[in-house]
Amino acid sequence: MPVTGKEGTMKRLFVFFVLSLFLLSAASILYAEQDDYQKGLTYYQKHQYKAAIKHLKAYTKNTPDPRAYYLIGYASYRIKDYATAKKYFSDVYLIDPEFKVSSIDAE
């Protein structure tokens, strides 16, 4: 039986409220991930490689972005962590075999 009247309105409002909360939380997660990428890129540009790695790794937990993997690899190389650099450079091409360094705006 369809629910009508006050009870139906309350259920629709409840569903609307729950969906709104879900969408807001999803948007905030996406923003936080992008923020980690931007912070990582900024630290990378300032040659603060350890801080860059920290933020870029946080970003890649949920986003397999080859640009971030490349930057982690190069930052690791710059701090002489060659094993980590090799791993991340390899992962770049597993994620995107067509990856080009020119796709990164890291100047």
C-alpha atoms as a PDB file:
ATOM      1  CA  MET A   1       0.000   0.000   0.000  1.00  0.00           C
ATOM      2  CA  PRO A   2       1.362   3.426  -0.871  1.00  0.00           C
ATOM      3  CA  VAL A   3       2.021   5.706   2.050  1.00  0.00           C
ATOM      4  CA  THR A   4       0.205   9.022   1.805  1.00  0.00           C
ATOM      5  CA  GLY A   5      -0.467  12.023   3.957  1.00  0.00           C
ATOM      6  CA  LYS A   6       1.779  13.169   6.759  1.00  0.00           C
ATOM      7  CA  GLU A   7       3.545   9.804   7.091  1.00  0.00           C
ATOM      8  CA  GLY A   8       4.441   9.764   3.381  1.00  0.00           C
ATOM      9  CA  THR A   9       5.750  13.308   3.525  1.00  0.00           C
ATOM     10  CA  MET A  10       7.920  12.469   6.534  1.00  0.00           C
ATOM     11  CA  LYS A  11       9.388   9.414   4.783  1.00  0.00           C
ATOM     12  CA  ARG A  12      10.180  11.445   1.663  1.00  0.00           C
ATOM     13  CA  LEU A  13      11.823  14.150   3.785  1.00  0.00           C
ATOM     14  CA  PHE A  14      13.860  11.528   5.617  1.00  0.00           C
ATOM     15  CA  VAL A  15      15.044   9.958   2.345  1.00  0.00           C
ATOM     16  CA  PHE A  16      15.878  13.415   0.970  1.00  0.00           C
ATOM     17  CA  PHE A  17      17.841  14.254   4.125  1.00  0.00           C
ATOM     18  CA  VAL A  18      19.824  10.992   4.036  1.00  0.00           C
ATOM     19  CA  LEU A  19      20.648  11.392   0.336  1.00  0.00           C
ATOM     20  CA  SER A  20      21.711  15.000   0.906  1.00  0.00           C
ATOM     21  CA  LEU A  21      24.076  13.945   3.693  1.00  0.00           C
ATOM     22  CA  PHE A  22      25.533  11.227   1.485  1.00  0.00           C
ATOM     23  CA  LEU A  23      26.164  13.638  -1.393  1.00  0.00           C
ATOM     24  CA  LEU A  24      27.740  16.236   0.893  1.00  0.00           C
ATOM     25  CA  SER A  25      30.074  13.697   2.463  1.00  0.00           C
ATOM     26  CA  ALA A  26      31.084  12.353  -0.957  1.00  0.00           C
ATOM     27  CA  ALA A  27      31.832  15.875  -2.165  1.00  0.00           C
ATOM     28  CA  SER A  28      33.946  16.639   0.901  1.00  0.00           C
ATOM     29  CA  ILE A  29      35.975  13.446   0.406  1.00  0.00           C
ATOM     30  CA  LEU A  30      36.659  14.356  -3.219  1.00  0.00           C
ATOM     31  CA  TYR A  31      37.670  17.867  -2.203  1.00  0.00           C
ATOM     32  CA  ALA A  32      40.012  16.532   0.487  1.00  0.00           C
ATOM     33  CA  GLU A  33      41.676  14.222  -2.034  1.00  0.00           C
ATOM     34  CA  GLN A  34      42.174  17.072  -4.508  1.00  0.00           C
ATOM     35  CA  ASP A  35      43.520  19.193  -1.663  1.00  0.00           C
ATOM     36  CA  ASP A  36      46.141  16.520  -0.904  1.00  0.00           C
ATOM     37  CA  TYR A  37      47.190  16.514  -4.567  1.00  0.00           C
ATOM     38  CA  GLN A  38      47.479  20.305  -4.657  1.00  0.00           C
ATOM     39  CA  LYS A  39      49.449  20.389  -1.394  1.00  0.00           C
ATOM     40  CA  GLY A  40      51.725  17.629  -2.654  1.00  0.00           C
ATOM     41  CA  LEU A  41      52.312  19.480  -5.904  1.00  0.00           C
ATOM     42  CA  THR A  42      53.048  22.725  -4.047  1.00  0.00           C
ATOM     43  CA  TYR A  43      55.563  21.023  -1.749  1.00  0.00           C
ATOM     44  CA  TYR A  44      57.120  19.291  -4.756  1.00  0.00           C
ATOM     45  CA  GLN A  45      57.553  22.630  -6.528  1.00  0.00           C
ATOM     46  CA  LYS A  46      59.221  24.034  -3.392  1.00  0.00           C
ATOM     47  CA  HIS A  47      61.601  21.029  -3.309  1.00  0.00           C
ATOM     48  CA  GLN A  48      60.118  19.891   0.012  1.00  0.00           C
ATOM     49  CA  TYR A  49      60.030  16.316  -1.176  1.00  0.00           C
ATOM     50  CA  LYS A  50      59.172  14.500   2.066  1.00  0.00           C
ATOM     51  CA  ALA A  51      56.090  16.679   2.597  1.00  0.00           C
ATOM     52  CA  ALA A  52      55.169  16.242  -1.070  1.00  0.00           C
ATOM     53  CA  ILE A  53      55.395  12.467  -0.760  1.00  0.00           C
ATOM     54  CA  LYS A  54      53.194  12.476   2.347  1.00  0.00           C
ATOM     55  CA  HIS A  55      50.367  14.375   0.644  1.00  0.00           C
ATOM     56  CA  LEU A  56      50.661  12.616  -2.688  1.00  0.00           C
ATOM     57  CA  LYS A  57      50.526   9.200  -1.004  1.00  0.00           C
ATOM     58  CA  ALA A  58      47.381  10.277   0.861  1.00  0.00           C
ATOM     59  CA  TYR A  59      45.887  11.326  -2.473  1.00  0.00           C
ATOM     60  CA  THR A  60      46.741   8.025  -4.182  1.00  0.00           C
ATOM     61  CA  LYS A  61      45.067   5.911  -1.490  1.00  0.00           C
ATOM     62  CA  ASN A  62      41.753   6.350  -3.325  1.00  0.00           C
ATOM     63  CA  THR A  63      42.866   7.837  -6.635  1.00  0.00           C
ATOM     64  CA  PRO A  64      45.229   5.903  -8.914  1.00  0.00           C
ATOM     65  CA  ASP A  65      46.483   9.030 -10.676  1.00  0.00           C
ATOM     66  CA  PRO A  66      49.661   8.386 -12.690  1.00  0.00           C
ATOM     67  CA  ARG A  67      50.735  12.028 -12.288  1.00  0.00           C
ATOM     68  CA  ALA A  68      50.830  11.623  -8.505  1.00  0.00           C
ATOM     69  CA  TYR A  69      52.677   8.306  -8.787  1.00  0.00           C
ATOM     70  CA  TYR A  70      55.280   9.929 -11.025  1.00  0.00           C
ATOM     71  CA  LEU A  71      55.728  12.831  -8.616  1.00  0.00           C
ATOM     72  CA  ILE A  72      56.125  10.419  -5.683  1.00  0.00           C
ATOM     73  CA  GLY A  73      58.702   8.507  -7.716  1.00  0.00           C
ATOM     74  CA  TYR A  74      60.659  11.606  -8.631  1.00  0.00           C
ATOM     75  CA  ALA A  75      60.471  13.073  -5.113  1.00  0.00           C
ATOM     76  CA  SER A  76      61.679   9.733  -3.725  1.00  0.00           C
ATOM     77  CA  TYR A  77      64.547   9.781  -6.210  1.00  0.00           C
ATOM     78  CA  ARG A  78      65.492  13.309  -5.125  1.00  0.00           C
ATOM     79  CA  ILE A  79      65.755  12.195  -1.469  1.00  0.00           C
ATOM     80  CA  LYS A  80      67.789   9.159  -2.582  1.00  0.00           C
ATOM     81  CA  ASP A  81      65.098   6.584  -1.770  1.00  0.00           C
ATOM     82  CA  TYR A  82      65.779   4.708  -4.975  1.00  0.00           C
ATOM     83  CA  ALA A  83      63.775   1.572  -4.185  1.00  0.00           C
ATOM     84  CA  THR A  84      60.606   3.598  -3.602  1.00  0.00           C
ATOM     85  CA  ALA A  85      61.320   5.703  -6.684  1.00  0.00           C
ATOM     86  CA  LYS A  86      61.654   2.584  -8.836  1.00  0.00           C
ATOM     87  CA  LYS A  87      58.394   1.150  -7.478  1.00  0.00           C
ATOM     88  CA  TYR A  88      56.390   4.313  -8.149  1.00  0.00           C
ATOM     89  CA  PHE A  89      57.923   4.873 -11.589  1.00  0.00           C
ATOM     90  CA  SER A  90      56.945   1.302 -12.494  1.00  0.00           C
ATOM     91  CA  ASP A  91      53.435   1.784 -11.110  1.00  0.00           C
ATOM     92  CA  VAL A  92      52.921   4.848 -13.318  1.00  0.00           C
ATOM     93  CA  TYR A  93      53.024   2.723 -16.449  1.00  0.00           C
ATOM     94  CA  LEU A  94      50.933  -0.059 -14.939  1.00  0.00           C
ATOM     95  CA  ILE A  95      48.202   2.504 -14.276  1.00  0.00           C
ATOM     96  CA  ASP A  96      48.563   4.272 -17.631  1.00  0.00           C
ATOM     97  CA  PRO A  97      50.847   2.734 -20.274  1.00  0.00           C
ATOM     98  CA  GLU A  98      50.416   5.895 -22.395  1.00  0.00           C
ATOM     99  CA  PHE A  99      51.502   8.257 -19.592  1.00  0.00           C
ATOM    100  CA  LYS A 100      53.545  11.285 -20.616  1.00  0.00           C
ATOM    101  CA  VAL A 101      55.498  13.422 -18.166  1.00  0.00           C
ATOM    102  CA  SER A 102      54.275  16.488 -20.060  1.00  0.00           C
ATOM    103  CA  SER A 103      50.796  15.850 -18.584  1.00  0.00           C
ATOM    104  CA  ILE A 104      52.099  17.175 -15.247  1.00  0.00           C
ATOM    105  CA  ASP A 105      52.068  20.904 -14.606  1.00  0.00           C
ATOM    106  CA  ALA A 106      54.806  20.833 -11.970  1.00  0.00           C
ATOM    107  CA  GLU A 107      57.023  23.732 -12.922  1.00  0.00           C
END
